[in-house]
Amino acid sequence: MKSLILICLAIFVLGGCVNTTTCTSIPADSPDLSGSNFLDYKKMYEENQDLPIGIEVRIHDTPNGGVFSVAFFTDDTGGLVSKDEAIDVEIHECDEDGQSISRTYMRLE
């Protein structure tokens, strides 16, 4: 499972999806429903602080023009879990102001 998640994230960074996942990418023009402050997560990452379980930050140019991404790994009830336990991942591509500019949803199979 860990390998599959890493492959999915690697492919996400390159801008595509694979057959072993159900992958959807949509523009983030609606209000952010996660209640997350993405800049706070980025700051925690940059300061080497422990992120909450199930949240991962990557600093990189994203496929849709962002400068970093935040991934939320969840179980079948939508609760945050470790990557190894996750069945879904929601990845937000963020601009320099921390605004989510695109979201990608994947079902990990």
C-alpha atoms as a PDB file:
ATOM      1  CA  MET A   1       0.000   0.000   0.000  1.00  0.00           C
ATOM      2  CA  LYS A   2       2.826   2.405   0.881  1.00  0.00           C
ATOM      3  CA  SER A   3       4.416   1.851  -2.525  1.00  0.00           C
ATOM      4  CA  LEU A   4       1.126   2.544  -4.285  1.00  0.00           C
ATOM      5  CA  ILE A   5       0.681   5.795  -2.401  1.00  0.00           C
ATOM      6  CA  LEU A   6       4.211   6.906  -3.211  1.00  0.00           C
ATOM      7  CA  ILE A   7       3.677   6.043  -6.882  1.00  0.00           C
ATOM      8  CA  CYS A   8       0.396   7.998  -6.922  1.00  0.00           C
ATOM      9  CA  LEU A   9       2.031  11.032  -5.354  1.00  0.00           C
ATOM     10  CA  ALA A  10       4.965  10.853  -7.748  1.00  0.00           C
ATOM     11  CA  ILE A  11       2.617  10.681 -10.712  1.00  0.00           C
ATOM     12  CA  PHE A  12       0.547  13.543  -9.261  1.00  0.00           C
ATOM     13  CA  VAL A  13       3.650  15.721  -9.134  1.00  0.00           C
ATOM     14  CA  LEU A  14       4.245  14.922 -12.804  1.00  0.00           C
ATOM     15  CA  GLY A  15       0.635  15.815 -13.629  1.00  0.00           C
ATOM     16  CA  GLY A  16      -1.088  12.512 -14.341  1.00  0.00           C
ATOM     17  CA  CYS A  17      -3.071   9.589 -12.971  1.00  0.00           C
ATOM     18  CA  VAL A  18      -2.571   5.841 -13.119  1.00  0.00           C
ATOM     19  CA  ASN A  19      -4.953   2.948 -13.745  1.00  0.00           C
ATOM     20  CA  THR A  20      -4.718   1.671 -10.171  1.00  0.00           C
ATOM     21  CA  THR A  21      -6.400   4.801  -8.816  1.00  0.00           C
ATOM     22  CA  THR A  22      -9.566   6.722  -9.359  1.00  0.00           C
ATOM     23  CA  CYS A  23      -8.279  10.234  -9.870  1.00  0.00           C
ATOM     24  CA  THR A  24     -10.158  13.497 -10.309  1.00  0.00           C
ATOM     25  CA  SER A  25      -8.701  16.987 -10.512  1.00  0.00           C
ATOM     26  CA  ILE A  26     -10.939  20.045 -10.269  1.00  0.00           C
ATOM     27  CA  PRO A  27     -10.262  23.780 -10.060  1.00  0.00           C
ATOM     28  CA  ALA A  28     -10.513  25.053  -6.511  1.00  0.00           C
ATOM     29  CA  ASP A  29     -12.783  27.970  -7.307  1.00  0.00           C
ATOM     30  CA  SER A  30     -15.282  27.043  -4.595  1.00  0.00           C
ATOM     31  CA  PRO A  31     -14.606  27.859  -0.933  1.00  0.00           C
ATOM     32  CA  ASP A  32     -12.168  25.536   0.794  1.00  0.00           C
ATOM     33  CA  LEU A  33     -14.269  23.031   2.706  1.00  0.00           C
ATOM     34  CA  SER A  34     -11.441  21.384   4.622  1.00  0.00           C
ATOM     35  CA  GLY A  35     -11.126  24.215   7.142  1.00  0.00           C
ATOM     36  CA  SER A  36      -7.356  23.993   6.744  1.00  0.00           C
ATOM     37  CA  ASN A  37      -4.894  26.829   6.762  1.00  0.00           C
ATOM     38  CA  PHE A  38      -2.445  25.641   4.140  1.00  0.00           C
ATOM     39  CA  LEU A  39       0.180  28.274   4.966  1.00  0.00           C
ATOM     40  CA  ASP A  40       0.261  26.995   8.557  1.00  0.00           C
ATOM     41  CA  TYR A  41       1.012  23.483   7.313  1.00  0.00           C
ATOM     42  CA  LYS A  42       3.720  24.841   4.988  1.00  0.00           C
ATOM     43  CA  LYS A  43       5.276  26.807   7.856  1.00  0.00           C
ATOM     44  CA  MET A  44       5.231  23.710  10.086  1.00  0.00           C
ATOM     45  CA  TYR A  45       6.967  21.743   7.338  1.00  0.00           C
ATOM     46  CA  GLU A  46       9.601  24.430   6.762  1.00  0.00           C
ATOM     47  CA  GLU A  47      10.310  24.639  10.505  1.00  0.00           C
ATOM     48  CA  ASN A  48      10.642  20.835  10.747  1.00  0.00           C
ATOM     49  CA  GLN A  49       7.668  20.615  13.101  1.00  0.00           C
ATOM     50  CA  ASP A  50       5.607  17.442  13.253  1.00  0.00           C
ATOM     51  CA  LEU A  51       2.571  17.657  11.019  1.00  0.00           C
ATOM     52  CA  PRO A  52      -0.691  16.063  12.183  1.00  0.00           C
ATOM     53  CA  ILE A  53      -1.048  12.418  11.202  1.00  0.00           C
ATOM     54  CA  GLY A  54      -2.376  12.022   7.686  1.00  0.00           C
ATOM     55  CA  ILE A  55      -1.116  15.385   6.388  1.00  0.00           C
ATOM     56  CA  GLU A  56       1.853  15.749   4.070  1.00  0.00           C
ATOM     57  CA  VAL A  57       3.377  18.921   2.591  1.00  0.00           C
ATOM     58  CA  ARG A  58       5.515  19.069  -0.547  1.00  0.00           C
ATOM     59  CA  ILE A  59       7.314  22.209  -1.734  1.00  0.00           C
ATOM     60  CA  HIS A  60       7.416  22.039  -5.544  1.00  0.00           C
ATOM     61  CA  ASP A  61       5.986  23.594  -8.681  1.00  0.00           C
ATOM     62  CA  THR A  62       2.655  21.831  -9.106  1.00  0.00           C
ATOM     63  CA  PRO A  63       1.021  20.802 -12.406  1.00  0.00           C
ATOM     64  CA  ASN A  64      -1.632  23.533 -12.127  1.00  0.00           C
ATOM     65  CA  GLY A  65       0.672  26.431 -11.262  1.00  0.00           C
ATOM     66  CA  GLY A  66       0.986  26.129  -7.493  1.00  0.00           C
ATOM     67  CA  VAL A  67       4.169  26.392  -5.462  1.00  0.00           C
ATOM     68  CA  PHE A  68       3.420  23.744  -2.843  1.00  0.00           C
ATOM     69  CA  SER A  69       0.902  20.994  -2.149  1.00  0.00           C
ATOM     70  CA  VAL A  70      -0.825  19.611   0.922  1.00  0.00           C
ATOM     71  CA  ALA A  71      -2.115  16.018   0.931  1.00  0.00           C
ATOM     72  CA  PHE A  72      -4.757  14.659   3.315  1.00  0.00           C
ATOM     73  CA  PHE A  73      -4.767  10.871   3.746  1.00  0.00           C
ATOM     74  CA  THR A  74      -8.090   9.474   4.970  1.00  0.00           C
ATOM     75  CA  ASP A  75      -9.844   6.227   5.805  1.00  0.00           C
ATOM     76  CA  ASP A  76     -13.299   5.094   4.671  1.00  0.00           C
ATOM     77  CA  THR A  77     -14.988   7.413   7.194  1.00  0.00           C
ATOM     78  CA  GLY A  78     -13.007  10.487   6.094  1.00  0.00           C
ATOM     79  CA  GLY A  79     -10.815  10.558   9.194  1.00  0.00           C
ATOM     80  CA  LEU A  80      -7.139  11.420   8.854  1.00  0.00           C
ATOM     81  CA  VAL A  81      -4.896   8.368   9.022  1.00  0.00           C
ATOM     82  CA  SER A  82      -1.311   7.460   8.166  1.00  0.00           C
ATOM     83  CA  LYS A  83      -0.414   6.855   4.528  1.00  0.00           C
ATOM     84  CA  ASP A  84      -0.229   3.119   5.202  1.00  0.00           C
ATOM     85  CA  GLU A  85      -3.844   3.027   6.422  1.00  0.00           C
ATOM     86  CA  ALA A  86      -5.324   5.464   3.887  1.00  0.00           C
ATOM     87  CA  ILE A  87      -7.816   4.533   1.203  1.00  0.00           C
ATOM     88  CA  ASP A  88      -8.281   8.080  -0.115  1.00  0.00           C
ATOM     89  CA  VAL A  89      -6.030  11.082  -0.600  1.00  0.00           C
ATOM     90  CA  GLU A  90      -7.052  14.674  -1.303  1.00  0.00           C
ATOM     91  CA  ILE A  91      -4.235  16.853  -2.611  1.00  0.00           C
ATOM     92  CA  HIS A  92      -4.481  20.633  -2.679  1.00  0.00           C
ATOM     93  CA  GLU A  93      -2.170  22.581  -4.957  1.00  0.00           C
ATOM     94  CA  CYS A  94      -1.569  25.983  -3.369  1.00  0.00           C
ATOM     95  CA  ASP A  95      -0.346  29.343  -4.598  1.00  0.00           C
ATOM     96  CA  GLU A  96       2.190  31.501  -2.727  1.00  0.00           C
ATOM     97  CA  ASP A  97      -0.623  32.971  -0.591  1.00  0.00           C
ATOM     98  CA  GLY A  98      -1.708  29.514   0.553  1.00  0.00           C
ATOM     99  CA  GLN A  99      -4.895  29.522  -1.514  1.00  0.00           C
ATOM    100  CA  SER A 100      -5.965  26.147  -2.877  1.00  0.00           C
ATOM    101  CA  ILE A 101      -5.957  26.537  -6.663  1.00  0.00           C
ATOM    102  CA  SER A 102      -6.652  22.907  -7.578  1.00  0.00           C
ATOM    103  CA  ARG A 103      -7.734  19.756  -5.770  1.00  0.00           C
ATOM    104  CA  THR A 104      -7.051  16.169  -6.761  1.00  0.00           C
ATOM    105  CA  TYR A 105      -9.017  13.313  -5.219  1.00  0.00           C
ATOM    106  CA  MET A 106      -7.719   9.755  -5.435  1.00  0.00           C
ATOM    107  CA  ARG A 107      -9.126   6.444  -4.271  1.00  0.00           C
ATOM    108  CA  LEU A 108      -6.219   4.152  -3.467  1.00  0.00           C
ATOM    109  CA  GLU A 109      -7.013   0.597  -4.510  1.00  0.00           C
END
